[in-house]
Every structure is written in structure tokens, then in C-alpha cells.
Amino acid sequence: MSQIPKFYRIFFLYIDPLICLSGIYIFFFDHALYISNGTPTAISSFSSTALTPFTDYLLTALGAYSLFVFCMQVLLLHGFKNAANGVNVRIWRIVQFGILLIDFGLVYAVWRADERGFWDLKGWDEGEWTNNGILGGVIVVRSAFLLGVGGVGRVDS
């Protein structure tokens, strides 16, 4: 069977879905928290006190998309974690590549919101360090998985 090393199994089956689940909660139930801590400082002050129906709609829609990602992480990856003939690795790579595109889209969104502030690490607040740090960390792990770092896809005899 093609191998998915234990580190990636633990990260993608348990840790990454928990990160996604926390985002789902915030997108559905705590929009003010997302605006104040989940967006770049340069734009978070625009809406932190009164959320418009449009902002409410967009954040709820993001929650729905995040719910889909969570389902793919939990149902698809768990369902194919032990599939034979390398199918497990192929499916996991497809899912992780798709989520990596989302991750890069989120980085792009942060950059677009505040191009100067994006590069000014000293100017980041606690929320930006948390969000960008987690995002950067999962991008590194996903990229390493896709590149085969740590024996991903190695066939056990």
C-alpha cells in the first residue's frame, strides 16, 4: 500500500479539520470576531461596530464554503485513508491541492486588502499573527505533502 506518513495522517485528519471547524463557527455565528481579528488591521476598522447585511451575507457564504471543505477533509480523507494501490495518496493529493489553492487565495486576499501592511510584519497585530501564522503553517505542511516530503507515496513492501 502507498504510504501516508503518520504526521500527515494526524494533521490532515484531525488538526486541519479542527482549524476549519473554528472558522466555520466564526463565519456562521461570530462575524464581529472575524472582522476584528480575522481581517487585516487596515480594513477591520471599517466594519467592526456595525455589520451590514451584505457583510453578514458574505461571511455566512464563506461559512458554507468552509463547511464543504470540512466535509471533504473529514468524509473523503477518512473514507480513503486506507485505500489500496496508491488510491489513498492520489485522492489525498487532489484534496490537499484544492485546499492549497484556497490557502493561496486567502494569502492573496490579505495582500490585496493591505499591500504595504502585508509586508510590514512589525505592524501586524495579534489577530494577524495568529491568522497569517496558521495560514503559513498549513501552506508549508500541505506543500510538503504534495512534494512527497517525509515519504509520502512510498510503497510499503
C-alpha atoms as a PDB file:
ATOM      1  CA  MET A   1       0.000   0.000   0.000  1.00  0.00           C
ATOM      2  CA  SER A   2       1.214   3.525  -0.753  1.00  0.00           C
ATOM      3  CA  GLN A   3       2.146   5.349   2.385  1.00  0.00           C
ATOM      4  CA  ILE A   4       0.762   8.448   4.012  1.00  0.00           C
ATOM      5  CA  PRO A   5       3.119   9.096   6.935  1.00  0.00           C
ATOM      6  CA  LYS A   6       1.658   9.358  10.436  1.00  0.00           C
ATOM      7  CA  PHE A   7       2.390  13.093  10.777  1.00  0.00           C
ATOM      8  CA  TYR A   8       0.263  13.893   7.718  1.00  0.00           C
ATOM      9  CA  ARG A   9      -2.490  11.499   8.805  1.00  0.00           C
ATOM     10  CA  ILE A  10      -2.754  13.218  12.178  1.00  0.00           C
ATOM     11  CA  PHE A  11      -2.504  16.719  10.718  1.00  0.00           C
ATOM     12  CA  PHE A  12      -4.951  16.289   7.824  1.00  0.00           C
ATOM     13  CA  LEU A  13      -7.447  14.000   9.573  1.00  0.00           C
ATOM     14  CA  TYR A  14      -7.656  15.828  12.910  1.00  0.00           C
ATOM     15  CA  ILE A  15      -5.770  19.129  13.278  1.00  0.00           C
ATOM     16  CA  ASP A  16      -6.621  20.743   9.931  1.00  0.00           C
ATOM     17  CA  PRO A  17     -10.352  19.940  10.217  1.00  0.00           C
ATOM     18  CA  LEU A  18     -10.385  21.477  13.721  1.00  0.00           C
ATOM     19  CA  ILE A  19      -8.841  24.657  12.317  1.00  0.00           C
ATOM     20  CA  CYS A  20     -11.515  24.658   9.608  1.00  0.00           C
ATOM     21  CA  LEU A  21     -14.266  23.995  12.156  1.00  0.00           C
ATOM     22  CA  SER A  22     -13.226  27.029  14.188  1.00  0.00           C
ATOM     23  CA  GLY A  23     -13.519  29.139  11.021  1.00  0.00           C
ATOM     24  CA  ILE A  24     -16.953  27.688  10.278  1.00  0.00           C
ATOM     25  CA  TYR A  25     -18.153  28.654  13.732  1.00  0.00           C
ATOM     26  CA  ILE A  26     -16.892  32.215  13.338  1.00  0.00           C
ATOM     27  CA  PHE A  27     -18.317  32.590   9.814  1.00  0.00           C
ATOM     28  CA  PHE A  28     -21.765  31.450  10.932  1.00  0.00           C
ATOM     29  CA  PHE A  29     -22.026  32.764  14.478  1.00  0.00           C
ATOM     30  CA  ASP A  30     -19.438  35.445  15.326  1.00  0.00           C
ATOM     31  CA  HIS A  31     -18.974  37.855  12.436  1.00  0.00           C
ATOM     32  CA  ALA A  32     -17.713  40.669  14.659  1.00  0.00           C
ATOM     33  CA  LEU A  33     -14.871  38.450  15.899  1.00  0.00           C
ATOM     34  CA  TYR A  34     -13.880  37.624  12.339  1.00  0.00           C
ATOM     35  CA  ILE A  35     -13.937  41.289  11.305  1.00  0.00           C
ATOM     36  CA  SER A  36     -11.868  42.392  14.301  1.00  0.00           C
ATOM     37  CA  ASN A  37      -9.362  39.504  14.421  1.00  0.00           C
ATOM     38  CA  GLY A  38      -9.576  37.703  11.093  1.00  0.00           C
ATOM     39  CA  THR A  39      -9.035  40.529   8.665  1.00  0.00           C
ATOM     40  CA  PRO A  40      -6.037  42.806   8.113  1.00  0.00           C
ATOM     41  CA  THR A  41      -5.932  45.725  10.535  1.00  0.00           C
ATOM     42  CA  ALA A  42      -6.091  48.188   7.652  1.00  0.00           C
ATOM     43  CA  ILE A  43      -9.644  47.095   6.800  1.00  0.00           C
ATOM     44  CA  SER A  44     -11.006  45.662  10.054  1.00  0.00           C
ATOM     45  CA  SER A  45     -11.844  49.100  11.436  1.00  0.00           C
ATOM     46  CA  PHE A  46     -14.306  49.710   8.589  1.00  0.00           C
ATOM     47  CA  SER A  47     -16.922  47.281   9.878  1.00  0.00           C
ATOM     48  CA  SER A  48     -16.087  46.293  13.432  1.00  0.00           C
ATOM     49  CA  THR A  49     -19.008  48.070  15.085  1.00  0.00           C
ATOM     50  CA  ALA A  50     -21.952  47.647  12.700  1.00  0.00           C
ATOM     51  CA  LEU A  51     -22.089  44.846  10.169  1.00  0.00           C
ATOM     52  CA  THR A  52     -24.111  45.480   7.054  1.00  0.00           C
ATOM     53  CA  PRO A  53     -26.477  42.836   5.692  1.00  0.00           C
ATOM     54  CA  PHE A  54     -24.075  42.469   2.753  1.00  0.00           C
ATOM     55  CA  THR A  55     -21.124  41.721   5.054  1.00  0.00           C
ATOM     56  CA  ASP A  56     -23.311  39.339   7.019  1.00  0.00           C
ATOM     57  CA  TYR A  57     -24.261  37.555   3.807  1.00  0.00           C
ATOM     58  CA  LEU A  58     -20.676  37.270   2.556  1.00  0.00           C
ATOM     59  CA  LEU A  59     -19.363  35.883   5.839  1.00  0.00           C
ATOM     60  CA  THR A  60     -22.187  33.353   6.044  1.00  0.00           C
ATOM     61  CA  ALA A  61     -21.471  32.320   2.449  1.00  0.00           C
ATOM     62  CA  LEU A  62     -17.802  31.835   3.399  1.00  0.00           C
ATOM     63  CA  GLY A  63     -19.037  29.633   6.222  1.00  0.00           C
ATOM     64  CA  ALA A  64     -20.928  27.483   3.722  1.00  0.00           C
ATOM     65  CA  TYR A  65     -17.833  27.084   1.545  1.00  0.00           C
ATOM     66  CA  SER A  66     -15.791  26.279   4.637  1.00  0.00           C
ATOM     67  CA  LEU A  67     -18.354  23.652   5.614  1.00  0.00           C
ATOM     68  CA  PHE A  68     -17.810  21.972   2.237  1.00  0.00           C
ATOM     69  CA  VAL A  69     -14.039  21.962   2.774  1.00  0.00           C
ATOM     70  CA  PHE A  70     -14.571  20.471   6.240  1.00  0.00           C
ATOM     71  CA  CYS A  71     -16.738  17.697   4.765  1.00  0.00           C
ATOM     72  CA  MET A  72     -14.063  16.893   2.180  1.00  0.00           C
ATOM     73  CA  GLN A  73     -11.442  16.768   4.912  1.00  0.00           C
ATOM     74  CA  VAL A  74     -13.469  14.550   7.200  1.00  0.00           C
ATOM     75  CA  LEU A  75     -15.516  12.356   4.860  1.00  0.00           C
ATOM     76  CA  LEU A  76     -13.280  11.929   1.826  1.00  0.00           C
ATOM     77  CA  LEU A  77      -9.911  11.716   3.559  1.00  0.00           C
ATOM     78  CA  HIS A  78     -11.208   9.392   6.278  1.00  0.00           C
ATOM     79  CA  GLY A  79     -13.067   7.315   3.700  1.00  0.00           C
ATOM     80  CA  PHE A  80      -9.964   6.742   1.587  1.00  0.00           C
ATOM     81  CA  LYS A  81      -7.230   6.740   4.226  1.00  0.00           C
ATOM     82  CA  ASN A  82      -6.514   3.041   3.728  1.00  0.00           C
ATOM     83  CA  ALA A  83      -7.459   2.558   0.067  1.00  0.00           C
ATOM     84  CA  ALA A  84      -5.200   0.199  -1.847  1.00  0.00           C
ATOM     85  CA  ASN A  85      -2.935   0.680  -4.881  1.00  0.00           C
ATOM     86  CA  GLY A  86      -1.991   4.256  -4.113  1.00  0.00           C
ATOM     87  CA  VAL A  87      -5.575   5.497  -4.464  1.00  0.00           C
ATOM     88  CA  ASN A  88      -5.339   6.929  -0.954  1.00  0.00           C
ATOM     89  CA  VAL A  89      -2.331   9.074  -1.831  1.00  0.00           C
ATOM     90  CA  ARG A  90      -3.841  10.233  -5.140  1.00  0.00           C
ATOM     91  CA  ILE A  91      -7.130  11.281  -3.518  1.00  0.00           C
ATOM     92  CA  TRP A  92      -5.366  12.946  -0.598  1.00  0.00           C
ATOM     93  CA  ARG A  93      -3.144  14.874  -3.017  1.00  0.00           C
ATOM     94  CA  ILE A  94      -6.149  16.057  -5.023  1.00  0.00           C
ATOM     95  CA  VAL A  95      -7.934  17.266  -1.885  1.00  0.00           C
ATOM     96  CA  GLN A  96      -4.822  18.927  -0.466  1.00  0.00           C
ATOM     97  CA  PHE A  97      -4.041  20.623  -3.772  1.00  0.00           C
ATOM     98  CA  GLY A  98      -7.568  22.063  -3.895  1.00  0.00           C
ATOM     99  CA  ILE A  99      -7.312  23.341  -0.326  1.00  0.00           C
ATOM    100  CA  LEU A 100      -3.838  24.736  -1.063  1.00  0.00           C
ATOM    101  CA  LEU A 101      -5.405  26.838  -3.820  1.00  0.00           C
ATOM    102  CA  ILE A 102      -7.849  28.204  -1.229  1.00  0.00           C
ATOM    103  CA  ASP A 103      -4.917  28.931   1.114  1.00  0.00           C
ATOM    104  CA  PHE A 104      -3.095  30.864  -1.605  1.00  0.00           C
ATOM    105  CA  GLY A 105      -6.331  32.708  -2.384  1.00  0.00           C
ATOM    106  CA  LEU A 106      -6.550  33.743   1.273  1.00  0.00           C
ATOM    107  CA  VAL A 107      -2.951  34.990   1.208  1.00  0.00           C
ATOM    108  CA  TYR A 108      -3.755  36.936  -1.951  1.00  0.00           C
ATOM    109  CA  ALA A 109      -6.836  38.436  -0.277  1.00  0.00           C
ATOM    110  CA  VAL A 110      -4.755  39.615   2.695  1.00  0.00           C
ATOM    111  CA  TRP A 111      -2.188  41.122   0.335  1.00  0.00           C
ATOM    112  CA  ARG A 112      -4.891  42.831  -1.776  1.00  0.00           C
ATOM    113  CA  ALA A 113      -6.522  44.306   1.332  1.00  0.00           C
ATOM    114  CA  ASP A 114      -3.298  45.981   2.505  1.00  0.00           C
ATOM    115  CA  GLU A 115      -0.302  45.601   0.204  1.00  0.00           C
ATOM    116  CA  ARG A 116       2.061  47.620   2.421  1.00  0.00           C
ATOM    117  CA  GLY A 117       0.819  46.140   5.686  1.00  0.00           C
ATOM    118  CA  PHE A 118       1.176  42.634   4.273  1.00  0.00           C
ATOM    119  CA  TRP A 119       4.962  43.010   4.261  1.00  0.00           C
ATOM    120  CA  ASP A 120       5.190  45.035   7.499  1.00  0.00           C
ATOM    121  CA  LEU A 121       5.482  42.163   9.980  1.00  0.00           C
ATOM    122  CA  LYS A 122       6.268  44.560  12.829  1.00  0.00           C
ATOM    123  CA  GLY A 123       2.929  46.262  12.232  1.00  0.00           C
ATOM    124  CA  TRP A 124       0.845  43.084  12.474  1.00  0.00           C
ATOM    125  CA  ASP A 125      -1.457  42.800  15.465  1.00  0.00           C
ATOM    126  CA  GLU A 126      -2.160  39.615  17.438  1.00  0.00           C
ATOM    127  CA  GLY A 127      -5.011  38.560  15.165  1.00  0.00           C
ATOM    128  CA  GLU A 128      -2.886  38.958  12.045  1.00  0.00           C
ATOM    129  CA  TRP A 129      -0.054  36.948  13.585  1.00  0.00           C
ATOM    130  CA  THR A 130      -2.486  34.192  14.533  1.00  0.00           C
ATOM    131  CA  ASN A 131      -4.296  34.053  11.191  1.00  0.00           C
ATOM    132  CA  ASN A 132      -1.302  34.541   8.939  1.00  0.00           C
ATOM    133  CA  GLY A 133       0.815  32.234  11.098  1.00  0.00           C
ATOM    134  CA  ILE A 134      -1.710  29.405  10.942  1.00  0.00           C
ATOM    135  CA  LEU A 135      -2.235  30.003   7.236  1.00  0.00           C
ATOM    136  CA  GLY A 136       1.503  29.995   6.561  1.00  0.00           C
ATOM    137  CA  GLY A 137       1.938  26.847   8.635  1.00  0.00           C
ATOM    138  CA  VAL A 138      -0.747  24.888   6.806  1.00  0.00           C
ATOM    139  CA  ILE A 139       0.619  26.058   3.457  1.00  0.00           C
ATOM    140  CA  VAL A 140       4.032  24.645   4.423  1.00  0.00           C
ATOM    141  CA  VAL A 141       2.550  21.320   5.572  1.00  0.00           C
ATOM    142  CA  ARG A 142       0.277  20.983   2.516  1.00  0.00           C
ATOM    143  CA  SER A 143       3.127  21.865   0.146  1.00  0.00           C
ATOM    144  CA  ALA A 144       5.464  19.383   1.822  1.00  0.00           C
ATOM    145  CA  PHE A 145       2.821  16.674   1.497  1.00  0.00           C
ATOM    146  CA  LEU A 146       2.263  17.438  -2.181  1.00  0.00           C
ATOM    147  CA  LEU A 147       6.022  17.397  -2.807  1.00  0.00           C
ATOM    148  CA  GLY A 148       6.332  13.999  -1.147  1.00  0.00           C
ATOM    149  CA  VAL A 149       8.412  15.182   1.800  1.00  0.00           C
ATOM    150  CA  GLY A 150       8.648  12.555   4.527  1.00  0.00           C
ATOM    151  CA  GLY A 151       7.950   9.528   2.356  1.00  0.00           C
ATOM    152  CA  VAL A 152       4.500  10.379   1.017  1.00  0.00           C
ATOM    153  CA  GLY A 153       3.538   7.826  -1.622  1.00  0.00           C
ATOM    154  CA  ARG A 154       6.368   5.448  -0.831  1.00  0.00           C
ATOM    155  CA  VAL A 155       5.181   1.898  -1.420  1.00  0.00           C
ATOM    156  CA  ASP A 156       5.470  -0.445   1.561  1.00  0.00           C
ATOM    157  CA  SER A 157       6.517  -3.948   0.699  1.00  0.00           C
END
